[in-house]
Structure formats: structure tokens, C-alpha cells
Amino acid sequence: MHEGIPDFAMPPEQDVRRAADSMRLLADPTRIKILWALLQGETSVACLADLVGAAPTAVSQHLAKLRLAGLVEGRREGTYVYYTAESAHVRALLSEALGQAANLTR
């Protein structure tokens, strides 16, 4: 059936699994807020906690998962760690998801 479609190919299984893992990781409102805030610029845990309305310890746990997934990076300055998320892919994905959500509510 699909043989007649030019250039049709399923993505490699490893890529599908990574994409699913990334989407599963992003399926949390607090993580979406954290990533959106970090896409605006470098921020500390305390500032992120205030922005997303969560306890600093909860934000730290979310950041640890996002860092392990390679979605955020941390920079230590003394006793503080400042986080960034400068991925064009993450920005595009979040923009698309938030735009779609806004369209659904209209």
C-alpha cells in the first residue's frame, strides 16, 4: 500500500523511542512553564520557582530530568546554578503546542 508513495519511509525505531521519551518528559505543565521561561533567558532555580508557582525543590527535580534529557544546561556561579534552554527545536515544539492549545480554546 505505501510502496507506491515516493520517498515514503518510517523513521528509525531508535529515533521514534527518543521522540516518545522527549514528549513524555514534556507532558507536564510545570516542565512546559520551566522550559518556556528558560527560552527567554538564563534563570536561577529561585526565579523559576517564583515564575512557575512551584517550590524550589520541585523545580530542581524537574530541572534534573530536563538536564538529563539534554533539554537544559546549568552554569554554576558560586553556590547558585543558572539554567538555560537555547534549543530552537524546543522553542518550535513549545510554540506549536501552545499555539495549538490556544486555538482549541477559541
PDB file of N, CA and C in Angstrom:
ATOM      1  N   MET A   1       0.809  -1.188   0.000  1.00  0.00           N
ATOM      2  CA  MET A   1       0.000   0.000   0.000  1.00  0.00           C
ATOM      3  C   MET A   1       0.860   1.263   0.000  1.00  0.00           C
ATOM      4  N   HIS A   2       1.845   1.341   0.907  1.00  0.00           N
ATOM      5  CA  HIS A   2       2.704   2.520   0.981  1.00  0.00           C
ATOM      6  C   HIS A   2       3.868   2.474   0.000  1.00  0.00           C
ATOM      7  N   GLU A   3       4.046   1.322  -0.622  1.00  0.00           N
ATOM      8  CA  GLU A   3       5.146   1.185  -1.570  1.00  0.00           C
ATOM      9  C   GLU A   3       5.006   2.149  -2.746  1.00  0.00           C
ATOM     10  N   GLY A   4       3.784   2.548  -3.060  1.00  0.00           N
ATOM     11  CA  GLY A   4       3.547   3.440  -4.190  1.00  0.00           C
ATOM     12  C   GLY A   4       3.777   4.912  -3.868  1.00  0.00           C
ATOM     13  N   ILE A   5       4.040   5.231  -2.607  1.00  0.00           N
ATOM     14  CA  ILE A   5       4.270   6.628  -2.218  1.00  0.00           C
ATOM     15  C   ILE A   5       5.762   6.921  -2.348  1.00  0.00           C
ATOM     16  N   PRO A   6       6.113   7.863  -3.226  1.00  0.00           N
ATOM     17  CA  PRO A   6       7.540   8.173  -3.420  1.00  0.00           C
ATOM     18  C   PRO A   6       8.194   8.669  -2.130  1.00  0.00           C
ATOM     19  N   ASP A   7       9.384   8.198  -1.872  1.00  0.00           N
ATOM     20  CA  ASP A   7      10.198   8.620  -0.724  1.00  0.00           C
ATOM     21  C   ASP A   7       9.562   8.331   0.632  1.00  0.00           C
ATOM     22  N   PHE A   8       8.581   7.429   0.678  1.00  0.00           N
ATOM     23  CA  PHE A   8       7.971   7.086   1.955  1.00  0.00           C
ATOM     24  C   PHE A   8       8.913   6.183   2.737  1.00  0.00           C
ATOM     25  N   ALA A   9       9.142   6.536   3.986  1.00  0.00           N
ATOM     26  CA  ALA A   9       9.966   5.703   4.865  1.00  0.00           C
ATOM     27  C   ALA A   9       9.580   5.982   6.308  1.00  0.00           C
ATOM     28  N   MET A  10       9.478   4.937   7.077  1.00  0.00           N
ATOM     29  CA  MET A  10       9.217   5.095   8.507  1.00  0.00           C
ATOM     30  C   MET A  10      10.531   5.514   9.177  1.00  0.00           C
ATOM     31  N   PRO A  11      10.454   6.331  10.237  1.00  0.00           N
ATOM     32  CA  PRO A  11      11.676   6.729  10.936  1.00  0.00           C
ATOM     33  C   PRO A  11      12.287   5.537  11.669  1.00  0.00           C
ATOM     34  N   PRO A  12      13.590   5.596  11.914  1.00  0.00           N
ATOM     35  CA  PRO A  12      14.248   4.502  12.645  1.00  0.00           C
ATOM     36  C   PRO A  12      13.639   4.330  14.044  1.00  0.00           C
ATOM     37  N   GLU A  13      13.554   3.101  14.492  1.00  0.00           N
ATOM     38  CA  GLU A  13      12.952   2.778  15.789  1.00  0.00           C
ATOM     39  C   GLU A  13      13.599   3.554  16.934  1.00  0.00           C
ATOM     40  N   GLN A  14      14.914   3.695  16.895  1.00  0.00           N
ATOM     41  CA  GLN A  14      15.628   4.417  17.950  1.00  0.00           C
ATOM     42  C   GLN A  14      15.173   5.882  18.002  1.00  0.00           C
ATOM     43  N   ASP A  15      14.969   6.506  16.855  1.00  0.00           N
ATOM     44  CA  ASP A  15      14.509   7.888  16.808  1.00  0.00           C
ATOM     45  C   ASP A  15      13.077   8.005  17.329  1.00  0.00           C
ATOM     46  N   VAL A  16      12.247   7.032  16.995  1.00  0.00           N
ATOM     47  CA  VAL A  16      10.858   7.037  17.468  1.00  0.00           C
ATOM     48  C   VAL A  16      10.829   6.944  18.988  1.00  0.00           C
ATOM     49  N   ARG A  17      11.640   6.071  19.541  1.00  0.00           N
ATOM     50  CA  ARG A  17      11.687   5.921  21.005  1.00  0.00           C
ATOM     51  C   ARG A  17      12.191   7.198  21.683  1.00  0.00           C
ATOM     52  N   ARG A  18      13.230   7.803  21.129  1.00  0.00           N
ATOM     53  CA  ARG A  18      13.741   9.064  21.704  1.00  0.00           C
ATOM     54  C   ARG A  18      12.693  10.167  21.643  1.00  0.00           C
ATOM     55  N   ALA A  19      11.995  10.263  20.527  1.00  0.00           N
ATOM     56  CA  ALA A  19      10.948  11.283  20.385  1.00  0.00           C
ATOM     57  C   ALA A  19       9.831  11.050  21.404  1.00  0.00           C
ATOM     58  N   ALA A  20       9.431   9.804  21.567  1.00  0.00           N
ATOM     59  CA  ALA A  20       8.379   9.480  22.537  1.00  0.00           C
ATOM     60  C   ALA A  20       8.834   9.801  23.953  1.00  0.00           C
ATOM     61  N   ASP A  21      10.080   9.487  24.274  1.00  0.00           N
ATOM     62  CA  ASP A  21      10.619   9.802  25.603  1.00  0.00           C
ATOM     63  C   ASP A  21      10.625  11.309  25.839  1.00  0.00           C
ATOM     64  N   SER A  22      11.022  12.072  24.823  1.00  0.00           N
ATOM     65  CA  SER A  22      11.043  13.530  24.957  1.00  0.00           C
ATOM     66  C   SER A  22       9.639  14.074  25.160  1.00  0.00           C
ATOM     67  N   MET A  23       8.691  13.579  24.399  1.00  0.00           N
ATOM     68  CA  MET A  23       7.319  14.059  24.544  1.00  0.00           C
ATOM     69  C   MET A  23       6.734  13.681  25.896  1.00  0.00           C
ATOM     70  N   ARG A  24       7.063  12.498  26.372  1.00  0.00           N
ATOM     71  CA  ARG A  24       6.604  12.065  27.689  1.00  0.00           C
ATOM     72  C   ARG A  24       7.174  13.001  28.763  1.00  0.00           C
ATOM     73  N   LEU A  25       8.418  13.368  28.585  1.00  0.00           N
ATOM     74  CA  LEU A  25       9.075  14.263  29.537  1.00  0.00           C
ATOM     75  C   LEU A  25       8.426  15.644  29.534  1.00  0.00           C
ATOM     76  N   LEU A  26       7.959  16.082  28.376  1.00  0.00           N
ATOM     77  CA  LEU A  26       7.340  17.399  28.258  1.00  0.00           C
ATOM     78  C   LEU A  26       5.862  17.394  28.639  1.00  0.00           C
ATOM     79  N   ALA A  27       5.306  16.233  28.907  1.00  0.00           N
ATOM     80  CA  ALA A  27       3.878  16.126  29.220  1.00  0.00           C
ATOM     81  C   ALA A  27       3.604  16.484  30.678  1.00  0.00           C
ATOM     82  N   ASP A  28       4.110  17.627  31.110  1.00  0.00           N
ATOM     83  CA  ASP A  28       3.926  18.099  32.472  1.00  0.00           C
ATOM     84  C   ASP A  28       3.842  19.621  32.435  1.00  0.00           C
ATOM     85  N   PRO A  29       2.767  20.208  32.954  1.00  0.00           N
ATOM     86  CA  PRO A  29       2.610  21.662  32.889  1.00  0.00           C
ATOM     87  C   PRO A  29       3.770  22.444  33.512  1.00  0.00           C
ATOM     88  N   THR A  30       4.302  21.966  34.620  1.00  0.00           N
ATOM     89  CA  THR A  30       5.412  22.682  35.268  1.00  0.00           C
ATOM     90  C   THR A  30       6.651  22.663  34.384  1.00  0.00           C
ATOM     91  N   ARG A  31       6.932  21.549  33.753  1.00  0.00           N
ATOM     92  CA  ARG A  31       8.105  21.471  32.873  1.00  0.00           C
ATOM     93  C   ARG A  31       7.941  22.371  31.653  1.00  0.00           C
ATOM     94  N   ILE A  32       6.731  22.453  31.130  1.00  0.00           N
ATOM     95  CA  ILE A  32       6.494  23.347  29.998  1.00  0.00           C
ATOM     96  C   ILE A  32       6.738  24.795  30.421  1.00  0.00           C
ATOM     97  N   LYS A  33       6.244  25.165  31.594  1.00  0.00           N
ATOM     98  CA  LYS A  33       6.469  26.529  32.094  1.00  0.00           C
ATOM     99  C   LYS A  33       7.959  26.795  32.314  1.00  0.00           C
ATOM    100  N   ILE A  34       8.651  25.832  32.888  1.00  0.00           N
ATOM    101  CA  ILE A  34      10.088  25.983  33.142  1.00  0.00           C
ATOM    102  C   ILE A  34      10.830  26.183  31.819  1.00  0.00           C
ATOM    103  N   LEU A  35      10.554  25.327  30.856  1.00  0.00           N
ATOM    104  CA  LEU A  35      11.236  25.449  29.563  1.00  0.00           C
ATOM    105  C   LEU A  35      10.909  26.775  28.889  1.00  0.00           C
ATOM    106  N   TRP A  36       9.656  27.189  28.940  1.00  0.00           N
ATOM    107  CA  TRP A  36       9.273  28.454  28.310  1.00  0.00           C
ATOM    108  C   TRP A  36      10.032  29.610  28.964  1.00  0.00           C
ATOM    109  N   ALA A  37      10.105  29.612  30.280  1.00  0.00           N
ATOM    110  CA  ALA A  37      10.835  30.663  30.992  1.00  0.00           C
ATOM    111  C   ALA A  37      12.314  30.639  30.605  1.00  0.00           C
ATOM    112  N   LEU A  38      12.897  29.446  30.512  1.00  0.00           N
ATOM    113  CA  LEU A  38      14.316  29.339  30.175  1.00  0.00           C
ATOM    114  C   LEU A  38      14.601  29.736  28.732  1.00  0.00           C
ATOM    115  N   LEU A  39      13.628  29.583  27.870  1.00  0.00           N
ATOM    116  CA  LEU A  39      13.818  30.014  26.484  1.00  0.00           C
ATOM    117  C   LEU A  39      13.899  31.539  26.386  1.00  0.00           C
ATOM    118  N   GLN A  40      13.435  32.231  27.423  1.00  0.00           N
ATOM    119  CA  GLN A  40      13.514  33.688  27.435  1.00  0.00           C
ATOM    120  C   GLN A  40      14.887  34.171  27.920  1.00  0.00           C
ATOM    121  N   GLY A  41      15.636  33.280  28.584  1.00  0.00           N
ATOM    122  CA  GLY A  41      16.975  33.640  29.047  1.00  0.00           C
ATOM    123  C   GLY A  41      17.371  32.854  30.281  1.00  0.00           C
ATOM    124  N   GLU A  42      18.607  33.022  30.657  1.00  0.00           N
ATOM    125  CA  GLU A  42      19.186  32.308  31.798  1.00  0.00           C
ATOM    126  C   GLU A  42      18.467  32.700  33.095  1.00  0.00           C
ATOM    127  N   THR A  43      18.197  31.692  33.939  1.00  0.00           N
ATOM    128  CA  THR A  43      17.424  31.925  35.146  1.00  0.00           C
ATOM    129  C   THR A  43      17.866  30.975  36.257  1.00  0.00           C
ATOM    130  N   SER A  44      17.716  31.436  37.487  1.00  0.00           N
ATOM    131  CA  SER A  44      18.047  30.605  38.647  1.00  0.00           C
ATOM    132  C   SER A  44      16.836  29.780  39.067  1.00  0.00           C
ATOM    133  N   VAL A  45      17.076  28.791  39.927  1.00  0.00           N
ATOM    134  CA  VAL A  45      16.005  27.934  40.431  1.00  0.00           C
ATOM    135  C   VAL A  45      14.985  28.770  41.204  1.00  0.00           C
ATOM    136  N   ALA A  46      15.464  29.683  42.041  1.00  0.00           N
ATOM    137  CA  ALA A  46      14.552  30.503  42.844  1.00  0.00           C
ATOM    138  C   ALA A  46      13.635  31.335  41.949  1.00  0.00           C
ATOM    139  N   CYS A  47      14.190  31.931  40.920  1.00  0.00           N
ATOM    140  CA  CYS A  47      13.392  32.732  39.993  1.00  0.00           C
ATOM    141  C   CYS A  47      12.399  31.849  39.251  1.00  0.00           C
ATOM    142  N   LEU A  48      12.843  30.683  38.793  1.00  0.00           N
ATOM    143  CA  LEU A  48      11.948  29.758  38.106  1.00  0.00           C
ATOM    144  C   LEU A  48      10.805  29.317  39.016  1.00  0.00           C
ATOM    145  N   ALA A  49      11.123  29.036  40.275  1.00  0.00           N
ATOM    146  CA  ALA A  49      10.098  28.610  41.226  1.00  0.00           C
ATOM    147  C   ALA A  49       9.022  29.687  41.350  1.00  0.00           C
ATOM    148  N   ASP A  50       9.453  30.941  41.419  1.00  0.00           N
ATOM    149  CA  ASP A  50       8.512  32.051  41.500  1.00  0.00           C
ATOM    150  C   ASP A  50       7.680  32.168  40.224  1.00  0.00           C
ATOM    151  N   LEU A  51       8.331  32.038  39.077  1.00  0.00           N
ATOM    152  CA  LEU A  51       7.643  32.164  37.792  1.00  0.00           C
ATOM    153  C   LEU A  51       6.595  31.074  37.559  1.00  0.00           C
ATOM    154  N   VAL A  52       6.916  29.846  37.943  1.00  0.00           N
ATOM    155  CA  VAL A  52       6.014  28.722  37.649  1.00  0.00           C
ATOM    156  C   VAL A  52       5.095  28.383  38.812  1.00  0.00           C
ATOM    157  N   GLY A  53       5.282  29.032  39.949  1.00  0.00           N
ATOM    158  CA  GLY A  53       4.423  28.783  41.092  1.00  0.00           C
ATOM    159  C   GLY A  53       4.627  27.424  41.728  1.00  0.00           C
ATOM    160  N   ALA A  54       5.885  27.025  41.858  1.00  0.00           N
ATOM    161  CA  ALA A  54       6.212  25.728  42.456  1.00  0.00           C
ATOM    162  C   ALA A  54       7.335  25.919  43.476  1.00  0.00           C
ATOM    163  N   ALA A  55       7.489  24.958  44.351  1.00  0.00           N
ATOM    164  CA  ALA A  55       8.558  25.004  45.344  1.00  0.00           C
ATOM    165  C   ALA A  55       9.911  24.832  44.648  1.00  0.00           C
ATOM    166  N   PRO A  56      10.948  25.505  45.158  1.00  0.00           N
ATOM    167  CA  PRO A  56      12.281  25.353  44.556  1.00  0.00           C
ATOM    168  C   PRO A  56      12.752  23.909  44.477  1.00  0.00           C
ATOM    169  N   THR A  57      12.421  23.095  45.470  1.00  0.00           N
ATOM    170  CA  THR A  57      12.844  21.689  45.423  1.00  0.00           C
ATOM    171  C   THR A  57      12.171  20.954  44.275  1.00  0.00           C
ATOM    172  N   ALA A  58      10.892  21.248  44.022  1.00  0.00           N
ATOM    173  CA  ALA A  58      10.185  20.613  42.903  1.00  0.00           C
ATOM    174  C   ALA A  58      10.781  21.073  41.576  1.00  0.00           C
ATOM    175  N   VAL A  59      11.090  22.365  41.480  1.00  0.00           N
ATOM    176  CA  VAL A  59      11.699  22.897  40.257  1.00  0.00           C
ATOM    177  C   VAL A  59      13.055  22.243  40.027  1.00  0.00           C
ATOM    178  N   SER A  60      13.834  22.069  41.076  1.00  0.00           N
ATOM    179  CA  SER A  60      15.143  21.415  40.958  1.00  0.00           C
ATOM    180  C   SER A  60      15.006  19.992  40.429  1.00  0.00           C
ATOM    181  N   GLN A  61      13.986  19.278  40.896  1.00  0.00           N
ATOM    182  CA  GLN A  61      13.770  17.910  40.427  1.00  0.00           C
ATOM    183  C   GLN A  61      13.384  17.896  38.943  1.00  0.00           C
ATOM    184  N   HIS A  62      12.535  18.823  38.547  1.00  0.00           N
ATOM    185  CA  HIS A  62      12.168  18.921  37.135  1.00  0.00           C
ATOM    186  C   HIS A  62      13.390  19.268  36.289  1.00  0.00           C
ATOM    187  N   LEU A  63      14.186  20.209  36.763  1.00  0.00           N
ATOM    188  CA  LEU A  63      15.384  20.618  36.028  1.00  0.00           C
ATOM    189  C   LEU A  63      16.372  19.467  35.876  1.00  0.00           C
ATOM    190  N   ALA A  64      16.487  18.647  36.899  1.00  0.00           N
ATOM    191  CA  ALA A  64      17.400  17.499  36.828  1.00  0.00           C
ATOM    192  C   ALA A  64      16.983  16.561  35.693  1.00  0.00           C
ATOM    193  N   LYS A  65      15.684  16.313  35.567  1.00  0.00           N
ATOM    194  CA  LYS A  65      15.197  15.442  34.485  1.00  0.00           C
ATOM    195  C   LYS A  65      15.403  16.096  33.131  1.00  0.00           C
ATOM    196  N   LEU A  66      15.114  17.394  33.043  1.00  0.00           N
ATOM    197  CA  LEU A  66      15.290  18.109  31.779  1.00  0.00           C
ATOM    198  C   LEU A  66      16.763  18.169  31.384  1.00  0.00           C
ATOM    199  N   ARG A  67      17.646  18.280  32.380  1.00  0.00           N
ATOM    200  CA  ARG A  67      19.090  18.310  32.104  1.00  0.00           C
ATOM    201  C   ARG A  67      19.574  16.954  31.609  1.00  0.00           C
ATOM    202  N   LEU A  68      19.105  15.890  32.241  1.00  0.00           N
ATOM    203  CA  LEU A  68      19.485  14.547  31.802  1.00  0.00           C
ATOM    204  C   LEU A  68      19.020  14.270  30.378  1.00  0.00           C
ATOM    205  N   ALA A  69      17.899  14.854  29.996  1.00  0.00           N
ATOM    206  CA  ALA A  69      17.380  14.678  28.637  1.00  0.00           C
ATOM    207  C   ALA A  69      18.080  15.595  27.643  1.00  0.00           C
ATOM    208  N   GLY A  70      18.963  16.464  28.130  1.00  0.00           N
ATOM    209  CA  GLY A  70      19.690  17.365  27.252  1.00  0.00           C
ATOM    210  C   GLY A  70      18.883  18.577  26.807  1.00  0.00           C
ATOM    211  N   LEU A  71      17.787  18.870  27.503  1.00  0.00           N
ATOM    212  CA  LEU A  71      16.942  19.993  27.121  1.00  0.00           C
ATOM    213  C   LEU A  71      17.337  21.301  27.795  1.00  0.00           C
ATOM    214  N   VAL A  72      18.048  21.211  28.921  1.00  0.00           N
ATOM    215  CA  VAL A  72      18.535  22.414  29.602  1.00  0.00           C
ATOM    216  C   VAL A  72      19.986  22.221  29.995  1.00  0.00           C
ATOM    217  N   GLU A  73      20.655  23.332  30.218  1.00  0.00           N
ATOM    218  CA  GLU A  73      22.043  23.305  30.679  1.00  0.00           C
ATOM    219  C   GLU A  73      22.160  24.187  31.914  1.00  0.00           C
ATOM    220  N   GLY A  74      23.064  23.814  32.803  1.00  0.00           N
ATOM    221  CA  GLY A  74      23.297  24.597  34.011  1.00  0.00           C
ATOM    222  C   GLY A  74      24.695  25.186  34.028  1.00  0.00           C
ATOM    223  N   ARG A  75      24.792  26.375  34.615  1.00  0.00           N
ATOM    224  CA  ARG A  75      26.087  27.050  34.780  1.00  0.00           C
ATOM    225  C   ARG A  75      26.199  27.451  36.234  1.00  0.00           C
ATOM    226  N   ARG A  76      27.240  26.936  36.900  1.00  0.00           N
ATOM    227  CA  ARG A  76      27.426  27.217  38.320  1.00  0.00           C
ATOM    228  C   ARG A  76      28.181  28.534  38.495  1.00  0.00           C
ATOM    229  N   GLU A  77      27.669  29.342  39.425  1.00  0.00           N
ATOM    230  CA  GLU A  77      28.338  30.581  39.809  1.00  0.00           C
ATOM    231  C   GLU A  77      28.277  30.664  41.327  1.00  0.00           C
ATOM    232  N   GLY A  78      29.372  30.283  41.970  1.00  0.00           N
ATOM    233  CA  GLY A  78      29.383  30.206  43.436  1.00  0.00           C
ATOM    234  C   GLY A  78      28.466  29.082  43.886  1.00  0.00           C
ATOM    235  N   THR A  79      27.513  29.431  44.749  1.00  0.00           N
ATOM    236  CA  THR A  79      26.569  28.422  45.238  1.00  0.00           C
ATOM    237  C   THR A  79      25.297  28.359  44.389  1.00  0.00           C
ATOM    238  N   TYR A  80      25.184  29.208  43.397  1.00  0.00           N
ATOM    239  CA  TYR A  80      23.998  29.253  42.546  1.00  0.00           C
ATOM    240  C   TYR A  80      24.246  28.538  41.220  1.00  0.00           C
ATOM    241  N   VAL A  81      23.175  27.984  40.666  1.00  0.00           N
ATOM    242  CA  VAL A  81      23.225  27.396  39.336  1.00  0.00           C
ATOM    243  C   VAL A  81      22.202  28.144  38.494  1.00  0.00           C
ATOM    244  N   TYR A  82      22.637  28.597  37.341  1.00  0.00           N
ATOM    245  CA  TYR A  82      21.758  29.302  36.406  1.00  0.00           C
ATOM    246  C   TYR A  82      21.517  28.388  35.209  1.00  0.00           C
ATOM    247  N   TYR A  83      20.272  28.271  34.832  1.00  0.00           N
ATOM    248  CA  TYR A  83      19.883  27.347  33.773  1.00  0.00           C
ATOM    249  C   TYR A  83      19.490  28.077  32.501  1.00  0.00           C
ATOM    250  N   THR A  84      19.710  27.402  31.367  1.00  0.00           N
ATOM    251  CA  THR A  84      19.286  27.915  30.064  1.00  0.00           C
ATOM    252  C   THR A  84      18.724  26.760  29.241  1.00  0.00           C
ATOM    253  N   ALA A  85      17.910  27.134  28.266  1.00  0.00           N
ATOM    254  CA  ALA A  85      17.387  26.177  27.281  1.00  0.00           C
ATOM    255  C   ALA A  85      17.359  26.932  25.965  1.00  0.00           C
ATOM    256  N   GLU A  86      18.374  26.736  25.162  1.00  0.00           N
ATOM    257  CA  GLU A  86      18.503  27.517  23.939  1.00  0.00           C
ATOM    258  C   GLU A  86      18.315  26.682  22.680  1.00  0.00           C
ATOM    259  N   SER A  87      17.471  25.710  22.763  1.00  0.00           N
ATOM    260  CA  SER A  87      17.256  24.844  21.611  1.00  0.00           C
ATOM    261  C   SER A  87      16.155  25.398  20.717  1.00  0.00           C
ATOM    262  N   ALA A  88      16.481  25.606  19.465  1.00  0.00           N
ATOM    263  CA  ALA A  88      15.475  26.065  18.502  1.00  0.00           C
ATOM    264  C   ALA A  88      14.375  25.019  18.354  1.00  0.00           C
ATOM    265  N   HIS A  89      14.734  23.746  18.506  1.00  0.00           N
ATOM    266  CA  HIS A  89      13.749  22.673  18.396  1.00  0.00           C
ATOM    267  C   HIS A  89      12.756  22.718  19.546  1.00  0.00           C
ATOM    268  N   VAL A  90      13.264  22.949  20.769  1.00  0.00           N
ATOM    269  CA  VAL A  90      12.382  23.041  21.933  1.00  0.00           C
ATOM    270  C   VAL A  90      11.475  24.254  21.787  1.00  0.00           C
ATOM    271  N   ARG A  91      12.033  25.377  21.338  1.00  0.00           N
ATOM    272  CA  ARG A  91      11.233  26.596  21.142  1.00  0.00           C
ATOM    273  C   ARG A  91      10.117  26.338  20.122  1.00  0.00           C
ATOM    274  N   ALA A  92      10.454  25.697  19.019  1.00  0.00           N
ATOM    275  CA  ALA A  92       9.460  25.420  17.982  1.00  0.00           C
ATOM    276  C   ALA A  92       8.378  24.468  18.497  1.00  0.00           C
ATOM    277  N   LEU A  93       8.794  23.430  19.215  1.00  0.00           N
ATOM    278  CA  LEU A  93       7.844  22.453  19.736  1.00  0.00           C
ATOM    279  C   LEU A  93       6.887  23.090  20.733  1.00  0.00           C
ATOM    280  N   LEU A  94       7.419  23.872  21.666  1.00  0.00           N
ATOM    281  CA  LEU A  94       6.564  24.517  22.660  1.00  0.00           C
ATOM    282  C   LEU A  94       5.660  25.563  22.018  1.00  0.00           C
ATOM    283  N   SER A  95       6.192  26.331  21.098  1.00  0.00           N
ATOM    284  CA  SER A  95       5.380  27.347  20.412  1.00  0.00           C
ATOM    285  C   SER A  95       4.222  26.696  19.671  1.00  0.00           C
ATOM    286  N   GLU A  96       4.514  25.605  18.993  1.00  0.00           N
ATOM    287  CA  GLU A  96       3.483  24.891  18.242  1.00  0.00           C
ATOM    288  C   GLU A  96       2.431  24.315  19.184  1.00  0.00           C
ATOM    289  N   ALA A  97       2.860  23.683  20.268  1.00  0.00           N
ATOM    290  CA  ALA A  97       1.926  23.071  21.216  1.00  0.00           C
ATOM    291  C   ALA A  97       1.063  24.133  21.895  1.00  0.00           C
ATOM    292  N   LEU A  98       1.676  25.228  22.328  1.00  0.00           N
ATOM    293  CA  LEU A  98       0.918  26.291  22.978  1.00  0.00           C
ATOM    294  C   LEU A  98      -0.017  26.995  22.003  1.00  0.00           C
ATOM    295  N   GLY A  99       0.429  27.165  20.769  1.00  0.00           N
ATOM    296  CA  GLY A  99      -0.430  27.754  19.745  1.00  0.00           C
ATOM    297  C   GLY A  99      -1.630  26.883  19.451  1.00  0.00           C
ATOM    298  N   GLN A 100      -1.397  25.588  19.368  1.00  0.00           N
ATOM    299  CA  GLN A 100      -2.488  24.648  19.129  1.00  0.00           C
ATOM    300  C   GLN A 100      -3.471  24.665  20.298  1.00  0.00           C
ATOM    301  N   ALA A 101      -2.955  24.716  21.521  1.00  0.00           N
ATOM    302  CA  ALA A 101      -3.822  24.768  22.703  1.00  0.00           C
ATOM    303  C   ALA A 101      -4.664  26.036  22.694  1.00  0.00           C
ATOM    304  N   ALA A 102      -4.070  27.155  22.299  1.00  0.00           N
ATOM    305  CA  ALA A 102      -4.806  28.420  22.246  1.00  0.00           C
ATOM    306  C   ALA A 102      -5.906  28.348  21.180  1.00  0.00           C
ATOM    307  N   ASN A 103      -5.625  27.706  20.058  1.00  0.00           N
ATOM    308  CA  ASN A 103      -6.631  27.558  19.001  1.00  0.00           C
ATOM    309  C   ASN A 103      -7.804  26.681  19.446  1.00  0.00           C
ATOM    310  N   LEU A 104      -7.518  25.679  20.277  1.00  0.00           N
ATOM    311  CA  LEU A 104      -8.566  24.778  20.733  1.00  0.00           C
ATOM    312  C   LEU A 104      -9.523  25.468  21.693  1.00  0.00           C
ATOM    313  N   THR A 105      -9.045  26.486  22.401  1.00  0.00           N
ATOM    314  CA  THR A 105      -9.887  27.179  23.381  1.00  0.00           C
ATOM    315  C   THR A 105     -10.704  28.292  22.765  1.00  0.00           C
ATOM    316  N   ARG A 106     -10.489  28.578  21.499  1.00  0.00           N
ATOM    317  CA  ARG A 106     -11.247  29.656  20.839  1.00  0.00           C
ATOM    318  C   ARG A 106     -12.538  29.159  20.288  1.00  0.00           C
TER     319      ARG A 106
END
